[in-house]
N, C-alpha and C. Protein backbone atom coordinates (compact mmCIF):
# COMPACT_ATOMS: atom_id res chain seq x y z
N MET A 1 -7.92 19.82 59.98
CA MET A 1 -8.00 18.53 60.66
C MET A 1 -8.43 18.77 62.10
N ASN A 2 -9.39 17.98 62.54
CA ASN A 2 -9.84 18.08 63.92
C ASN A 2 -9.37 16.84 64.70
N ALA A 3 -9.73 16.77 65.98
CA ALA A 3 -9.25 15.68 66.83
C ALA A 3 -9.74 14.32 66.35
N ALA A 4 -10.99 14.23 65.93
CA ALA A 4 -11.53 12.95 65.45
C ALA A 4 -10.81 12.50 64.19
N GLN A 5 -10.51 13.44 63.31
CA GLN A 5 -9.80 13.10 62.07
C GLN A 5 -8.36 12.68 62.38
N LEU A 6 -7.72 13.34 63.33
CA LEU A 6 -6.36 12.96 63.71
C LEU A 6 -6.36 11.56 64.31
N ARG A 7 -7.29 11.28 65.21
CA ARG A 7 -7.39 9.94 65.81
C ARG A 7 -7.59 8.89 64.71
N ALA A 8 -8.52 9.15 63.80
CA ALA A 8 -8.79 8.20 62.71
C ALA A 8 -7.55 8.00 61.84
N CYS A 9 -6.83 9.06 61.58
CA CYS A 9 -5.60 8.97 60.78
C CYS A 9 -4.58 8.06 61.47
N CYS A 10 -4.40 8.25 62.77
CA CYS A 10 -3.42 7.46 63.52
C CYS A 10 -3.83 6.00 63.62
N LEU A 11 -5.13 5.73 63.73
CA LEU A 11 -5.60 4.36 63.90
C LEU A 11 -5.82 3.63 62.58
N HIS A 12 -5.62 4.34 61.49
CA HIS A 12 -5.80 3.76 60.15
C HIS A 12 -4.78 2.67 59.82
N PHE A 13 -3.63 2.73 60.44
CA PHE A 13 -2.52 1.85 60.09
C PHE A 13 -2.63 0.49 60.76
N ASN A 14 -2.16 -0.55 60.08
CA ASN A 14 -2.19 -1.92 60.60
C ASN A 14 -1.52 -1.98 61.96
N GLY A 15 -2.21 -2.56 62.92
CA GLY A 15 -1.65 -2.78 64.25
C GLY A 15 -1.63 -1.56 65.14
N ALA A 16 -2.10 -0.42 64.66
CA ALA A 16 -2.07 0.80 65.48
C ALA A 16 -3.14 0.72 66.57
N ILE A 17 -2.76 1.15 67.77
CA ILE A 17 -3.70 1.20 68.89
C ILE A 17 -3.58 2.56 69.58
N GLU A 18 -4.62 2.91 70.31
CA GLU A 18 -4.59 4.11 71.14
C GLU A 18 -4.48 3.64 72.58
N ASP A 19 -3.54 4.23 73.31
CA ASP A 19 -3.27 3.85 74.69
C ASP A 19 -3.25 5.13 75.52
N PHE A 20 -3.36 4.98 76.85
CA PHE A 20 -3.41 6.15 77.73
C PHE A 20 -2.47 5.97 78.94
N PRO A 21 -1.17 5.75 78.68
CA PRO A 21 -0.24 5.52 79.79
C PRO A 21 0.03 6.76 80.64
N PHE A 22 -0.28 7.94 80.14
CA PHE A 22 -0.02 9.18 80.87
C PHE A 22 -1.30 9.83 81.40
N GLY A 23 -2.41 9.09 81.39
CA GLY A 23 -3.68 9.61 81.86
C GLY A 23 -4.69 9.70 80.73
N ALA A 24 -5.95 9.84 81.10
CA ALA A 24 -7.06 9.79 80.15
C ALA A 24 -7.03 10.90 79.10
N GLU A 25 -6.35 12.00 79.39
CA GLU A 25 -6.35 13.13 78.46
C GLU A 25 -5.25 13.07 77.41
N VAL A 26 -4.33 12.12 77.53
CA VAL A 26 -3.20 12.03 76.60
C VAL A 26 -3.32 10.76 75.77
N SER A 27 -3.63 10.91 74.49
CA SER A 27 -3.71 9.77 73.58
C SER A 27 -2.32 9.46 73.06
N VAL A 28 -1.90 8.22 73.26
CA VAL A 28 -0.62 7.74 72.75
C VAL A 28 -0.94 6.65 71.73
N PHE A 29 -0.51 6.87 70.51
CA PHE A 29 -0.75 5.91 69.43
C PHE A 29 0.50 5.08 69.25
N LYS A 30 0.31 3.76 69.30
CA LYS A 30 1.43 2.83 69.28
C LYS A 30 1.25 1.77 68.20
N VAL A 31 2.37 1.20 67.82
CA VAL A 31 2.39 0.01 66.97
C VAL A 31 3.50 -0.88 67.51
N GLY A 32 3.19 -2.16 67.69
CA GLY A 32 4.20 -3.07 68.22
C GLY A 32 4.71 -2.65 69.59
N GLY A 33 3.88 -1.97 70.36
CA GLY A 33 4.27 -1.52 71.70
C GLY A 33 5.10 -0.25 71.72
N LYS A 34 5.35 0.35 70.57
CA LYS A 34 6.18 1.56 70.47
C LYS A 34 5.33 2.75 70.02
N MET A 35 5.57 3.89 70.61
CA MET A 35 4.81 5.10 70.31
C MET A 35 5.23 5.70 68.97
N PHE A 36 4.23 6.10 68.17
CA PHE A 36 4.52 6.84 66.94
C PHE A 36 3.81 8.19 66.91
N ALA A 37 2.86 8.42 67.81
CA ALA A 37 2.17 9.72 67.88
C ALA A 37 1.64 9.93 69.29
N LEU A 38 1.61 11.18 69.70
CA LEU A 38 1.12 11.55 71.03
C LEU A 38 0.34 12.85 70.88
N SER A 39 -0.87 12.90 71.48
CA SER A 39 -1.67 14.11 71.37
C SER A 39 -2.60 14.27 72.56
N PHE A 40 -2.77 15.51 72.99
CA PHE A 40 -3.83 15.87 73.92
C PHE A 40 -5.01 16.24 73.02
N LEU A 41 -5.83 15.26 72.65
CA LEU A 41 -6.86 15.47 71.65
C LEU A 41 -7.93 16.47 72.08
N GLY A 42 -8.08 16.69 73.38
CA GLY A 42 -9.08 17.63 73.86
C GLY A 42 -8.60 19.06 73.99
N ARG A 43 -7.35 19.30 73.77
CA ARG A 43 -6.79 20.65 73.91
C ARG A 43 -6.94 21.46 72.64
N ARG A 44 -7.01 22.76 72.83
CA ARG A 44 -7.01 23.70 71.72
C ARG A 44 -5.89 24.69 71.94
N PRO A 45 -5.05 24.95 70.99
CA PRO A 45 -5.08 24.33 69.67
C PRO A 45 -4.66 22.87 69.73
N LEU A 46 -5.13 22.11 68.77
CA LEU A 46 -4.80 20.69 68.65
C LEU A 46 -3.33 20.57 68.25
N GLU A 47 -2.62 19.67 68.93
CA GLU A 47 -1.22 19.41 68.61
C GLU A 47 -0.99 17.91 68.58
N VAL A 48 0.02 17.51 67.84
CA VAL A 48 0.44 16.11 67.80
C VAL A 48 1.96 16.06 67.71
N SER A 49 2.54 15.14 68.46
CA SER A 49 3.98 14.92 68.40
C SER A 49 4.22 13.66 67.59
N LEU A 50 5.18 13.76 66.65
CA LEU A 50 5.44 12.68 65.70
C LEU A 50 6.93 12.44 65.54
N LYS A 51 7.29 11.19 65.38
CA LYS A 51 8.68 10.84 65.11
C LYS A 51 9.03 11.28 63.69
N CYS A 52 10.30 11.67 63.48
CA CYS A 52 10.70 12.21 62.18
C CYS A 52 12.19 11.97 61.97
N GLU A 53 12.57 11.76 60.72
CA GLU A 53 14.00 11.69 60.39
C GLU A 53 14.64 13.02 60.80
N PRO A 54 15.80 13.01 61.46
CA PRO A 54 16.38 14.25 61.98
C PRO A 54 16.55 15.37 60.95
N GLU A 55 17.01 15.05 59.75
CA GLU A 55 17.24 16.09 58.75
C GLU A 55 15.91 16.69 58.29
N LEU A 56 14.91 15.85 58.10
CA LEU A 56 13.59 16.33 57.71
C LEU A 56 12.95 17.13 58.83
N ALA A 57 13.17 16.71 60.07
CA ALA A 57 12.62 17.43 61.22
C ALA A 57 13.08 18.89 61.21
N VAL A 58 14.36 19.10 60.97
CA VAL A 58 14.92 20.46 60.93
C VAL A 58 14.33 21.24 59.76
N GLU A 59 14.21 20.59 58.61
CA GLU A 59 13.65 21.24 57.42
C GLU A 59 12.19 21.67 57.66
N LEU A 60 11.40 20.80 58.26
CA LEU A 60 10.00 21.13 58.54
C LEU A 60 9.88 22.28 59.53
N ARG A 61 10.74 22.30 60.54
CA ARG A 61 10.73 23.39 61.52
C ARG A 61 11.08 24.72 60.87
N ALA A 62 11.99 24.68 59.90
CA ALA A 62 12.40 25.91 59.21
C ALA A 62 11.32 26.40 58.26
N THR A 63 10.50 25.49 57.76
CA THR A 63 9.48 25.82 56.77
C THR A 63 8.17 26.26 57.41
N TYR A 64 7.80 25.63 58.53
CA TYR A 64 6.50 25.88 59.16
C TYR A 64 6.67 26.33 60.61
N GLU A 65 6.13 27.48 60.92
CA GLU A 65 6.18 27.99 62.30
C GLU A 65 5.45 27.05 63.25
N ALA A 66 4.45 26.33 62.76
CA ALA A 66 3.64 25.43 63.59
C ALA A 66 4.34 24.10 63.89
N VAL A 67 5.53 23.90 63.34
CA VAL A 67 6.30 22.68 63.60
C VAL A 67 7.51 23.08 64.44
N ARG A 68 7.64 22.44 65.59
CA ARG A 68 8.75 22.77 66.49
C ARG A 68 9.30 21.49 67.11
N PRO A 69 10.44 21.57 67.77
CA PRO A 69 11.00 20.36 68.39
C PRO A 69 10.00 19.70 69.33
N GLY A 70 10.05 18.39 69.39
CA GLY A 70 9.11 17.61 70.19
C GLY A 70 9.05 18.05 71.64
N TRP A 71 7.84 18.26 72.12
CA TRP A 71 7.60 18.68 73.49
C TRP A 71 7.84 17.51 74.42
N HIS A 72 8.80 17.63 75.33
CA HIS A 72 9.17 16.59 76.29
C HIS A 72 9.58 15.28 75.61
N LEU A 73 10.14 15.38 74.42
CA LEU A 73 10.61 14.21 73.68
C LEU A 73 12.00 14.51 73.14
N ASN A 74 12.65 13.49 72.59
CA ASN A 74 13.96 13.69 71.99
C ASN A 74 13.83 14.67 70.83
N LYS A 75 14.39 15.85 70.98
CA LYS A 75 14.20 16.94 70.02
C LYS A 75 14.84 16.65 68.66
N ARG A 76 15.76 15.72 68.62
CA ARG A 76 16.40 15.37 67.35
C ARG A 76 15.47 14.51 66.50
N HIS A 77 14.65 13.68 67.13
CA HIS A 77 13.84 12.70 66.41
C HIS A 77 12.34 12.95 66.45
N TRP A 78 11.90 13.98 67.16
CA TRP A 78 10.46 14.22 67.31
C TRP A 78 10.13 15.68 67.04
N ASN A 79 9.02 15.89 66.36
CA ASN A 79 8.45 17.22 66.15
C ASN A 79 7.07 17.28 66.79
N THR A 80 6.71 18.44 67.29
CA THR A 80 5.34 18.70 67.73
C THR A 80 4.74 19.67 66.72
N VAL A 81 3.57 19.30 66.19
CA VAL A 81 2.91 20.07 65.15
C VAL A 81 1.62 20.66 65.72
N THR A 82 1.47 21.97 65.63
CA THR A 82 0.21 22.62 65.98
C THR A 82 -0.67 22.56 64.74
N ILE A 83 -1.84 21.97 64.90
CA ILE A 83 -2.75 21.80 63.77
C ILE A 83 -3.71 22.99 63.76
N ASP A 84 -3.25 24.04 63.09
CA ASP A 84 -3.99 25.31 63.06
C ASP A 84 -4.33 25.74 61.63
N GLY A 85 -4.09 24.86 60.67
CA GLY A 85 -4.36 25.16 59.27
C GLY A 85 -3.15 25.68 58.51
N SER A 86 -2.09 26.05 59.22
CA SER A 86 -0.91 26.58 58.53
C SER A 86 -0.06 25.47 57.91
N VAL A 87 -0.20 24.25 58.43
CA VAL A 87 0.43 23.08 57.83
C VAL A 87 -0.70 22.32 57.13
N PRO A 88 -0.57 22.09 55.82
CA PRO A 88 -1.66 21.41 55.10
C PRO A 88 -2.00 20.05 55.72
N ASP A 89 -3.29 19.74 55.75
CA ASP A 89 -3.74 18.47 56.33
C ASP A 89 -3.05 17.28 55.66
N ARG A 90 -2.86 17.35 54.34
CA ARG A 90 -2.19 16.26 53.63
C ARG A 90 -0.78 16.04 54.18
N LEU A 91 -0.07 17.13 54.48
CA LEU A 91 1.27 17.02 55.04
C LEU A 91 1.21 16.43 56.44
N VAL A 92 0.24 16.82 57.24
CA VAL A 92 0.10 16.25 58.58
C VAL A 92 -0.12 14.74 58.47
N ARG A 93 -1.00 14.32 57.55
CA ARG A 93 -1.24 12.88 57.35
C ARG A 93 0.05 12.18 56.90
N ASP A 94 0.81 12.81 56.02
CA ASP A 94 2.08 12.23 55.58
C ASP A 94 3.06 12.12 56.74
N MET A 95 3.07 13.11 57.61
CA MET A 95 3.97 13.08 58.76
C MET A 95 3.57 11.96 59.73
N VAL A 96 2.27 11.73 59.91
CA VAL A 96 1.81 10.62 60.75
C VAL A 96 2.26 9.30 60.13
N GLU A 97 2.07 9.16 58.83
CA GLU A 97 2.48 7.92 58.14
C GLU A 97 3.99 7.71 58.23
N ASP A 98 4.76 8.77 58.06
CA ASP A 98 6.22 8.66 58.17
C ASP A 98 6.62 8.22 59.58
N SER A 99 5.95 8.77 60.59
CA SER A 99 6.25 8.41 61.97
C SER A 99 5.96 6.93 62.20
N TYR A 100 4.80 6.48 61.73
CA TYR A 100 4.44 5.06 61.83
C TYR A 100 5.51 4.20 61.15
N ASP A 101 5.88 4.57 59.93
CA ASP A 101 6.88 3.80 59.17
C ASP A 101 8.23 3.75 59.89
N LEU A 102 8.65 4.86 60.47
CA LEU A 102 9.92 4.88 61.21
C LEU A 102 9.88 3.91 62.38
N VAL A 103 8.77 3.89 63.09
CA VAL A 103 8.66 3.00 64.24
C VAL A 103 8.61 1.54 63.78
N VAL A 104 7.79 1.25 62.78
CA VAL A 104 7.68 -0.13 62.29
C VAL A 104 9.02 -0.62 61.73
N SER A 105 9.78 0.26 61.09
CA SER A 105 11.07 -0.16 60.52
C SER A 105 12.04 -0.63 61.60
N GLY A 106 11.84 -0.21 62.84
CA GLY A 106 12.69 -0.63 63.94
C GLY A 106 12.19 -1.87 64.68
N LEU A 107 11.03 -2.37 64.28
CA LEU A 107 10.47 -3.56 64.92
C LEU A 107 11.09 -4.81 64.29
N PRO A 108 11.02 -5.93 65.00
CA PRO A 108 11.54 -7.18 64.44
C PRO A 108 10.83 -7.55 63.13
N LYS A 109 11.54 -8.21 62.24
CA LYS A 109 10.99 -8.59 60.93
C LYS A 109 9.70 -9.39 61.05
N ARG A 110 9.62 -10.28 62.03
CA ARG A 110 8.40 -11.08 62.19
C ARG A 110 7.20 -10.20 62.51
N VAL A 111 7.41 -9.13 63.28
CA VAL A 111 6.33 -8.20 63.59
C VAL A 111 5.96 -7.41 62.34
N GLN A 112 6.97 -6.98 61.59
CA GLN A 112 6.70 -6.27 60.33
C GLN A 112 5.85 -7.13 59.40
N LEU A 113 6.16 -8.43 59.32
CA LEU A 113 5.39 -9.34 58.48
C LEU A 113 3.96 -9.48 59.00
N GLN A 114 3.79 -9.57 60.32
CA GLN A 114 2.45 -9.66 60.91
C GLN A 114 1.62 -8.42 60.59
N LEU A 115 2.29 -7.28 60.49
CA LEU A 115 1.61 -6.02 60.21
C LEU A 115 1.37 -5.84 58.70
N ASP A 116 1.90 -6.76 57.89
CA ASP A 116 1.81 -6.66 56.44
C ASP A 116 2.39 -5.34 55.96
N TRP A 117 3.52 -4.98 56.56
CA TRP A 117 4.18 -3.71 56.27
C TRP A 117 5.10 -3.88 55.07
N SER A 118 4.97 -2.99 54.11
CA SER A 118 5.74 -3.11 52.86
C SER A 118 7.10 -2.43 52.92
N GLY A 119 7.37 -1.68 53.97
CA GLY A 119 8.66 -1.00 54.10
C GLY A 119 8.61 0.43 53.64
N VAL A 120 9.65 1.17 53.99
CA VAL A 120 9.72 2.59 53.63
C VAL A 120 10.48 2.79 52.36
């Protein structure tokens, strides 16, 4: 997965936007005003920080060296993934989707309905 594919993956979801609150080099992907992914898309190696269920976050860190506690984020709820090929692209896409779903699940029901979100 490259930076363009990661951006496309994050923007694929209903209501997802790319924002730059931390400067032009930091892409923050949001839904309903809440962040679900953060990446320095121009950096190598490519990395993305994603929200994750705490138990799964620990399991992924134990399974993949490229998955570690979220950089400058709540380490219990966020993982940072180095996209170097050691984590399958399909799993990275699933992790992005899970992050989006976690954030949307915390939004008001009316916003969930506007997003046509089916739930987790």
